[in-house]
Amino acid sequence: EVGTQGNRLRILYLDDEPAPLLAQLIALGLKPGVDVEVLDREFDLLRLRLDKNVVPLAVAAARHVSVMPAPALAVQMDELPVGSRVRVVEIEGRGKHQRRMLDMGFVPGAEVTVMRKAPLGDPIEYRVKGTAVALRQKDASSILVEELENG
């Protein structure tokens, strides 16, 4: 169910009727493209996290908000602990650096496992497409990834 605690949702659109409700939703900061997190639901009231604010929203009003699951949050690959399994989302930067990362197999959609880190944290060994690749922390930080579900 959409109102389940912990769900991250992206607002697709708001019903334009009734107009006073639409104005209230917009005043709360709810608009298409905005991501919210359901903190909890008590009776007929939802508490949503919107940026750094907590916004109360009546379940009846929420029925006028169309949502979809929000995309996973992308993180820099160098921030992950050993053992993490992730999927490449994007490579920041252009030119030779980006081409080098792509040539090593760090293409959008590729699954990567963090294998080990050197004692001082640099370099970091990853497994991508069955191959072990060591990257400097600086290079790994340019690769944005999303964590995969365990299992």
N, C-alpha and C. Protein backbone atom coordinates (compact mmCIF):
# COMPACT_ATOMS: atom_id res chain seq x y z
N GLU A 1 0.85 -1.19 0.00
CA GLU A 1 0.00 0.00 0.00
C GLU A 1 0.88 1.24 0.00
N VAL A 2 0.45 2.26 -0.70
CA VAL A 2 1.19 3.51 -0.85
C VAL A 2 1.50 4.16 0.49
N GLY A 3 0.55 4.13 1.43
CA GLY A 3 0.74 4.80 2.71
C GLY A 3 1.56 4.02 3.71
N THR A 4 2.32 3.03 3.27
CA THR A 4 3.12 2.21 4.17
C THR A 4 4.35 2.97 4.63
N GLN A 5 4.64 2.87 5.93
CA GLN A 5 5.78 3.56 6.52
C GLN A 5 7.07 3.19 5.79
N GLY A 6 7.90 4.19 5.51
CA GLY A 6 9.18 3.99 4.86
C GLY A 6 9.14 4.06 3.35
N ASN A 7 7.95 4.06 2.74
CA ASN A 7 7.86 4.16 1.28
C ASN A 7 8.37 5.52 0.81
N ARG A 8 9.22 5.51 -0.21
CA ARG A 8 9.63 6.74 -0.88
C ARG A 8 8.83 6.83 -2.16
N LEU A 9 8.19 7.96 -2.35
CA LEU A 9 7.27 8.13 -3.48
C LEU A 9 7.59 9.40 -4.26
N ARG A 10 7.34 9.36 -5.56
CA ARG A 10 7.47 10.55 -6.41
C ARG A 10 6.07 10.96 -6.84
N ILE A 11 5.77 12.24 -6.66
CA ILE A 11 4.46 12.77 -7.05
C ILE A 11 4.40 12.91 -8.57
N LEU A 12 3.38 12.31 -9.16
CA LEU A 12 3.18 12.40 -10.62
C LEU A 12 2.31 13.58 -10.99
N TYR A 13 1.16 13.69 -10.33
CA TYR A 13 0.28 14.84 -10.57
C TYR A 13 -0.70 14.98 -9.42
N LEU A 14 -1.30 16.18 -9.35
CA LEU A 14 -2.31 16.50 -8.34
C LEU A 14 -3.63 16.72 -9.06
N ASP A 15 -4.72 16.20 -8.48
CA ASP A 15 -6.04 16.49 -9.05
C ASP A 15 -6.29 18.00 -8.95
N ASP A 16 -6.84 18.58 -10.00
CA ASP A 16 -7.08 20.03 -9.96
C ASP A 16 -8.44 20.39 -9.37
N GLU A 17 -9.19 19.40 -8.96
CA GLU A 17 -10.48 19.64 -8.29
C GLU A 17 -10.50 18.85 -7.00
N PRO A 18 -10.96 19.36 -5.94
CA PRO A 18 -11.44 20.73 -5.74
C PRO A 18 -10.27 21.72 -5.67
N ALA A 19 -10.49 22.89 -6.22
CA ALA A 19 -9.45 23.92 -6.30
C ALA A 19 -8.87 24.31 -4.95
N PRO A 20 -9.68 24.46 -3.88
CA PRO A 20 -9.10 24.82 -2.58
C PRO A 20 -8.12 23.74 -2.07
N LEU A 21 -8.42 22.47 -2.32
CA LEU A 21 -7.52 21.40 -1.90
C LEU A 21 -6.22 21.46 -2.70
N LEU A 22 -6.32 21.70 -4.00
CA LEU A 22 -5.12 21.84 -4.82
C LEU A 22 -4.23 22.95 -4.28
N ALA A 23 -4.82 24.07 -3.91
CA ALA A 23 -4.05 25.19 -3.35
C ALA A 23 -3.36 24.78 -2.05
N GLN A 24 -4.06 24.01 -1.20
CA GLN A 24 -3.46 23.55 0.06
C GLN A 24 -2.29 22.60 -0.20
N LEU A 25 -2.46 21.68 -1.14
CA LEU A 25 -1.39 20.73 -1.45
C LEU A 25 -0.15 21.47 -1.95
N ILE A 26 -0.35 22.44 -2.82
CA ILE A 26 0.77 23.22 -3.35
C ILE A 26 1.43 24.02 -2.23
N ALA A 27 0.63 24.58 -1.32
CA ALA A 27 1.18 25.35 -0.19
C ALA A 27 2.04 24.46 0.72
N LEU A 28 1.70 23.18 0.81
CA LEU A 28 2.50 22.24 1.61
C LEU A 28 3.82 21.87 0.92
N GLY A 29 3.95 22.23 -0.36
CA GLY A 29 5.15 21.89 -1.11
C GLY A 29 5.00 20.66 -1.97
N LEU A 30 3.78 20.13 -2.04
CA LEU A 30 3.53 18.94 -2.85
C LEU A 30 3.23 19.37 -4.28
N LYS A 31 4.02 18.86 -5.22
CA LYS A 31 3.83 19.18 -6.63
C LYS A 31 4.48 18.08 -7.46
N PRO A 32 4.12 17.97 -8.72
CA PRO A 32 4.69 16.93 -9.57
C PRO A 32 6.22 16.97 -9.59
N GLY A 33 6.82 15.77 -9.51
CA GLY A 33 8.28 15.66 -9.54
C GLY A 33 8.93 15.64 -8.18
N VAL A 34 8.19 15.99 -7.14
CA VAL A 34 8.74 16.04 -5.78
C VAL A 34 8.72 14.63 -5.18
N ASP A 35 9.80 14.27 -4.47
CA ASP A 35 9.86 12.99 -3.76
C ASP A 35 9.50 13.20 -2.30
N VAL A 36 8.72 12.27 -1.74
CA VAL A 36 8.35 12.30 -0.32
C VAL A 36 8.59 10.92 0.26
N GLU A 37 8.74 10.87 1.58
CA GLU A 37 8.85 9.60 2.29
C GLU A 37 7.72 9.52 3.30
N VAL A 38 7.03 8.40 3.34
CA VAL A 38 5.96 8.20 4.32
C VAL A 38 6.61 7.83 5.65
N LEU A 39 6.48 8.72 6.65
CA LEU A 39 7.06 8.45 7.97
C LEU A 39 6.16 7.54 8.78
N ASP A 40 4.87 7.86 8.82
CA ASP A 40 3.92 6.98 9.50
C ASP A 40 2.49 7.36 9.13
N ARG A 41 1.59 6.49 9.55
CA ARG A 41 0.16 6.71 9.31
C ARG A 41 -0.57 6.42 10.60
N GLU A 42 -1.32 7.40 11.07
CA GLU A 42 -2.14 7.23 12.26
C GLU A 42 -3.57 7.54 11.88
N PHE A 43 -4.42 6.54 11.97
CA PHE A 43 -5.83 6.68 11.61
C PHE A 43 -5.94 7.26 10.20
N ASP A 44 -6.45 8.48 10.08
CA ASP A 44 -6.62 9.03 8.73
C ASP A 44 -5.66 10.19 8.46
N LEU A 45 -4.44 10.11 9.05
CA LEU A 45 -3.43 11.15 8.85
C LEU A 45 -2.09 10.51 8.49
N LEU A 46 -1.50 10.98 7.41
CA LEU A 46 -0.15 10.57 7.02
C LEU A 46 0.83 11.65 7.45
N ARG A 47 2.02 11.23 7.86
CA ARG A 47 3.11 12.18 8.09
C ARG A 47 4.16 11.88 7.03
N LEU A 48 4.49 12.91 6.24
CA LEU A 48 5.42 12.76 5.13
C LEU A 48 6.67 13.59 5.38
N ARG A 49 7.82 13.06 4.94
CA ARG A 49 9.05 13.87 4.94
C ARG A 49 9.19 14.44 3.54
N LEU A 50 9.31 15.75 3.50
CA LEU A 50 9.46 16.49 2.25
C LEU A 50 10.70 17.35 2.43
N ASP A 51 11.78 17.02 1.75
CA ASP A 51 13.08 17.63 2.01
C ASP A 51 13.41 17.40 3.47
N LYS A 52 13.58 18.47 4.25
CA LYS A 52 13.90 18.31 5.67
C LYS A 52 12.70 18.61 6.56
N ASN A 53 11.54 18.76 5.96
CA ASN A 53 10.33 19.09 6.72
C ASN A 53 9.43 17.87 6.85
N VAL A 54 8.65 17.86 7.94
CA VAL A 54 7.62 16.85 8.13
C VAL A 54 6.29 17.50 7.84
N VAL A 55 5.52 16.90 6.93
CA VAL A 55 4.26 17.47 6.46
C VAL A 55 3.12 16.52 6.81
N PRO A 56 2.11 17.00 7.56
CA PRO A 56 0.93 16.16 7.81
C PRO A 56 -0.01 16.24 6.61
N LEU A 57 -0.60 15.10 6.26
CA LEU A 57 -1.53 15.08 5.13
C LEU A 57 -2.65 14.10 5.43
N ALA A 58 -3.88 14.59 5.36
CA ALA A 58 -5.04 13.73 5.58
C ALA A 58 -5.11 12.68 4.47
N VAL A 59 -5.47 11.45 4.86
CA VAL A 59 -5.59 10.38 3.87
C VAL A 59 -6.59 10.77 2.78
N ALA A 60 -7.67 11.45 3.16
CA ALA A 60 -8.66 11.90 2.17
C ALA A 60 -8.01 12.83 1.14
N ALA A 61 -7.11 13.72 1.58
CA ALA A 61 -6.42 14.62 0.66
C ALA A 61 -5.41 13.85 -0.17
N ALA A 62 -4.78 12.84 0.43
CA ALA A 62 -3.78 12.04 -0.29
C ALA A 62 -4.39 11.32 -1.48
N ARG A 63 -5.67 11.06 -1.43
CA ARG A 63 -6.34 10.39 -2.55
C ARG A 63 -6.36 11.26 -3.81
N HIS A 64 -6.06 12.53 -3.67
CA HIS A 64 -6.02 13.46 -4.81
C HIS A 64 -4.59 13.66 -5.33
N VAL A 65 -3.65 12.84 -4.82
CA VAL A 65 -2.24 12.92 -5.21
C VAL A 65 -1.86 11.59 -5.86
N SER A 66 -1.47 11.63 -7.12
CA SER A 66 -1.03 10.41 -7.81
C SER A 66 0.48 10.28 -7.67
N VAL A 67 0.92 9.08 -7.27
CA VAL A 67 2.35 8.85 -7.01
C VAL A 67 2.82 7.56 -7.66
N MET A 68 4.13 7.42 -7.72
CA MET A 68 4.78 6.17 -8.12
C MET A 68 5.95 5.97 -7.17
N PRO A 69 6.50 4.76 -7.08
CA PRO A 69 7.69 4.59 -6.24
C PRO A 69 8.81 5.50 -6.74
N ALA A 70 9.50 6.14 -5.80
CA ALA A 70 10.61 7.02 -6.18
C ALA A 70 11.81 6.17 -6.58
N PRO A 71 12.61 6.66 -7.52
CA PRO A 71 13.81 5.93 -7.89
C PRO A 71 14.75 5.82 -6.69
N ALA A 72 15.57 4.78 -6.68
CA ALA A 72 16.53 4.61 -5.60
C ALA A 72 17.48 5.81 -5.57
N LEU A 73 17.94 6.12 -4.38
CA LEU A 73 18.88 7.21 -4.24
C LEU A 73 20.26 6.77 -4.73
N ALA A 74 20.87 7.56 -5.57
CA ALA A 74 22.20 7.25 -6.06
C ALA A 74 23.24 7.76 -5.07
N VAL A 75 24.28 6.96 -4.85
CA VAL A 75 25.38 7.35 -3.96
C VAL A 75 26.68 7.18 -4.73
N GLN A 76 27.72 7.84 -4.24
CA GLN A 76 29.03 7.70 -4.86
C GLN A 76 29.60 6.33 -4.49
N MET A 77 30.19 5.65 -5.45
CA MET A 77 30.63 4.28 -5.25
C MET A 77 31.73 4.15 -4.19
N ASP A 78 32.53 5.19 -3.98
CA ASP A 78 33.61 5.09 -2.99
C ASP A 78 33.10 5.09 -1.55
N GLU A 79 31.83 5.43 -1.33
CA GLU A 79 31.27 5.52 0.02
C GLU A 79 30.76 4.18 0.55
N LEU A 80 30.76 3.14 -0.27
CA LEU A 80 30.14 1.88 0.09
C LEU A 80 31.05 0.99 0.93
N PRO A 81 30.47 0.23 1.86
CA PRO A 81 31.27 -0.72 2.63
C PRO A 81 31.58 -1.97 1.80
N VAL A 82 32.62 -2.68 2.21
CA VAL A 82 32.98 -3.94 1.56
C VAL A 82 31.79 -4.89 1.63
N GLY A 83 31.55 -5.59 0.53
CA GLY A 83 30.44 -6.54 0.45
C GLY A 83 29.19 -5.98 -0.20
N SER A 84 29.13 -4.67 -0.40
CA SER A 84 27.95 -4.05 -1.02
C SER A 84 27.80 -4.50 -2.46
N ARG A 85 26.57 -4.72 -2.86
CA ARG A 85 26.23 -5.02 -4.26
C ARG A 85 25.41 -3.86 -4.79
N VAL A 86 25.85 -3.31 -5.92
CA VAL A 86 25.21 -2.11 -6.45
C VAL A 86 25.06 -2.20 -7.97
N ARG A 87 24.30 -1.25 -8.50
CA ARG A 87 24.13 -1.13 -9.95
C ARG A 87 24.57 0.28 -10.34
N VAL A 88 25.36 0.38 -11.40
CA VAL A 88 25.83 1.68 -11.88
C VAL A 88 24.66 2.46 -12.46
N VAL A 89 24.53 3.73 -12.02
CA VAL A 89 23.48 4.61 -12.51
C VAL A 89 24.05 5.61 -13.51
N GLU A 90 25.20 6.19 -13.16
CA GLU A 90 25.75 7.27 -13.99
C GLU A 90 27.23 7.43 -13.69
N ILE A 91 27.97 7.90 -14.69
CA ILE A 91 29.37 8.25 -14.49
C ILE A 91 29.46 9.76 -14.65
N GLU A 92 29.90 10.43 -13.58
CA GLU A 92 30.06 11.88 -13.64
C GLU A 92 31.35 12.20 -14.39
N GLY A 93 31.37 13.33 -15.05
CA GLY A 93 32.55 13.71 -15.81
C GLY A 93 32.40 13.30 -17.26
N ARG A 94 33.29 13.77 -18.07
CA ARG A 94 33.22 13.50 -19.51
C ARG A 94 34.62 13.16 -20.03
N GLY A 95 34.68 12.96 -21.33
CA GLY A 95 35.96 12.79 -22.00
C GLY A 95 36.70 11.52 -21.62
N LYS A 96 38.03 11.64 -21.48
CA LYS A 96 38.89 10.48 -21.24
C LYS A 96 38.52 9.73 -19.97
N HIS A 97 38.23 10.45 -18.91
CA HIS A 97 37.89 9.78 -17.64
C HIS A 97 36.66 8.91 -17.82
N GLN A 98 35.60 9.45 -18.39
CA GLN A 98 34.38 8.69 -18.58
C GLN A 98 34.62 7.49 -19.50
N ARG A 99 35.36 7.69 -20.56
CA ARG A 99 35.65 6.61 -21.51
C ARG A 99 36.43 5.49 -20.80
N ARG A 100 37.39 5.87 -19.94
CA ARG A 100 38.18 4.88 -19.20
C ARG A 100 37.29 4.04 -18.29
N MET A 101 36.36 4.70 -17.58
CA MET A 101 35.45 3.97 -16.68
C MET A 101 34.55 3.02 -17.49
N LEU A 102 34.05 3.50 -18.62
CA LEU A 102 33.20 2.66 -19.48
C LEU A 102 33.99 1.46 -20.00
N ASP A 103 35.24 1.69 -20.42
CA ASP A 103 36.07 0.60 -20.94
C ASP A 103 36.34 -0.47 -19.89
N MET A 104 36.38 -0.08 -18.62
CA MET A 104 36.62 -1.05 -17.54
C MET A 104 35.35 -1.81 -17.16
N GLY A 105 34.21 -1.43 -17.75
CA GLY A 105 32.97 -2.16 -17.48
C GLY A 105 31.98 -1.42 -16.60
N PHE A 106 32.32 -0.23 -16.15
CA PHE A 106 31.41 0.54 -15.30
C PHE A 106 30.42 1.30 -16.17
N VAL A 107 29.53 0.55 -16.80
CA VAL A 107 28.51 1.12 -17.67
C VAL A 107 27.18 1.17 -16.92
N PRO A 108 26.31 2.12 -17.23
CA PRO A 108 25.00 2.16 -16.56
C PRO A 108 24.29 0.81 -16.66
N GLY A 109 23.83 0.32 -15.51
CA GLY A 109 23.15 -0.96 -15.44
C GLY A 109 24.04 -2.10 -14.99
N ALA A 110 25.37 -1.92 -15.06
CA ALA A 110 26.29 -2.99 -14.66
C ALA A 110 26.22 -3.21 -13.15
N GLU A 111 26.24 -4.49 -12.75
CA GLU A 111 26.26 -4.83 -11.33
C GLU A 111 27.71 -4.88 -10.85
N VAL A 112 27.93 -4.31 -9.67
CA VAL A 112 29.27 -4.19 -9.10
C VAL A 112 29.23 -4.66 -7.65
N THR A 113 30.30 -5.35 -7.22
CA THR A 113 30.45 -5.75 -5.82
C THR A 113 31.72 -5.11 -5.28
N VAL A 114 31.64 -4.54 -4.07
CA VAL A 114 32.82 -3.99 -3.41
C VAL A 114 33.54 -5.16 -2.76
N MET A 115 34.76 -5.47 -3.22
CA MET A 115 35.49 -6.65 -2.75
C MET A 115 36.36 -6.34 -1.52
N ARG A 116 37.17 -5.29 -1.59
CA ARG A 116 38.02 -4.94 -0.44
C ARG A 116 38.58 -3.54 -0.62
N LYS A 117 39.03 -2.99 0.52
CA LYS A 117 39.66 -1.67 0.51
C LYS A 117 41.06 -1.81 1.08
N ALA A 118 41.99 -1.04 0.53
CA ALA A 118 43.35 -1.01 1.06
C ALA A 118 43.30 -0.45 2.48
N PRO A 119 44.32 -0.73 3.30
CA PRO A 119 44.30 -0.28 4.71
C PRO A 119 43.98 1.21 4.90
N LEU A 120 44.46 2.05 4.01
CA LEU A 120 44.17 3.48 4.14
C LEU A 120 42.98 3.91 3.27
N GLY A 121 42.27 2.92 2.71
CA GLY A 121 41.06 3.21 1.94
C GLY A 121 41.28 3.47 0.47
N ASP A 122 42.53 3.42 0.01
CA ASP A 122 42.82 3.73 -1.39
C ASP A 122 43.93 2.81 -1.88
N PRO A 123 43.77 2.03 -2.92
CA PRO A 123 42.62 1.92 -3.80
C PRO A 123 41.54 0.99 -3.23
N ILE A 124 40.45 0.89 -3.97
CA ILE A 124 39.32 0.03 -3.61
C ILE A 124 39.16 -0.99 -4.73
N GLU A 125 39.00 -2.26 -4.35
CA GLU A 125 38.82 -3.31 -5.36
C GLU A 125 37.33 -3.61 -5.54
N TYR A 126 36.92 -3.63 -6.80
CA TYR A 126 35.53 -3.93 -7.17
C TYR A 126 35.52 -5.12 -8.12
N ARG A 127 34.41 -5.83 -8.16
CA ARG A 127 34.19 -6.88 -9.17
C ARG A 127 33.07 -6.38 -10.06
N VAL A 128 33.40 -6.25 -11.35
CA VAL A 128 32.41 -5.81 -12.34
C VAL A 128 32.53 -6.73 -13.55
N LYS A 129 31.41 -7.30 -13.96
CA LYS A 129 31.38 -8.21 -15.11
C LYS A 129 32.41 -9.33 -14.97
N GLY A 130 32.55 -9.87 -13.75
CA GLY A 130 33.43 -11.01 -13.50
C GLY A 130 34.90 -10.67 -13.40
N THR A 131 35.26 -9.41 -13.45
CA THR A 131 36.65 -8.99 -13.41
C THR A 131 36.91 -8.12 -12.19
N ALA A 132 38.06 -8.36 -11.53
CA ALA A 132 38.47 -7.52 -10.40
C ALA A 132 39.14 -6.27 -10.95
N VAL A 133 38.69 -5.12 -10.46
CA VAL A 133 39.22 -3.83 -10.91
C VAL A 133 39.50 -2.98 -9.68
N ALA A 134 40.73 -2.44 -9.59
CA ALA A 134 41.07 -1.54 -8.49
C ALA A 134 40.98 -0.10 -8.99
N LEU A 135 40.24 0.73 -8.22
CA LEU A 135 40.09 2.14 -8.58
C LEU A 135 40.57 3.01 -7.43
N ARG A 136 41.15 4.13 -7.79
CA ARG A 136 41.45 5.13 -6.77
C ARG A 136 40.12 5.67 -6.25
N GLN A 137 40.15 6.10 -5.01
CA GLN A 137 38.94 6.64 -4.39
C GLN A 137 38.38 7.79 -5.22
N LYS A 138 39.25 8.62 -5.74
CA LYS A 138 38.83 9.77 -6.56
C LYS A 138 38.04 9.31 -7.79
N ASP A 139 38.51 8.24 -8.44
CA ASP A 139 37.81 7.73 -9.61
C ASP A 139 36.49 7.08 -9.23
N ALA A 140 36.50 6.30 -8.13
CA ALA A 140 35.28 5.62 -7.68
C ALA A 140 34.20 6.63 -7.29
N SER A 141 34.62 7.80 -6.79
CA SER A 141 33.64 8.80 -6.35
C SER A 141 32.88 9.41 -7.53
N SER A 142 33.40 9.22 -8.74
CA SER A 142 32.71 9.78 -9.92
C SER A 142 31.65 8.84 -10.47
N ILE A 143 31.52 7.64 -9.87
CA ILE A 143 30.54 6.66 -10.34
C ILE A 143 29.38 6.64 -9.36
N LEU A 144 28.19 6.98 -9.85
CA LEU A 144 26.98 6.97 -9.01
C LEU A 144 26.29 5.63 -9.17
N VAL A 145 25.89 5.06 -8.02
CA VAL A 145 25.30 3.73 -8.00
C VAL A 145 24.07 3.71 -7.12
N GLU A 146 23.25 2.65 -7.30
CA GLU A 146 22.13 2.40 -6.40
C GLU A 146 22.31 1.00 -5.83
N GLU A 147 21.99 0.85 -4.55
CA GLU A 147 22.16 -0.45 -3.91
C GLU A 147 21.12 -1.43 -4.42
N LEU A 148 21.55 -2.67 -4.57
CA LEU A 148 20.66 -3.75 -4.99
C LEU A 148 20.06 -4.40 -3.75
N GLU A 149 18.86 -4.94 -3.90
CA GLU A 149 18.24 -5.68 -2.81
C GLU A 149 19.06 -6.95 -2.59
N ASN A 150 19.25 -7.32 -1.32
CA ASN A 150 19.96 -8.57 -1.02
C ASN A 150 19.08 -9.75 -1.36
N GLY A 151 19.72 -10.82 -1.79
CA GLY A 151 18.94 -12.01 -2.06
C GLY A 151 19.31 -12.71 -3.26
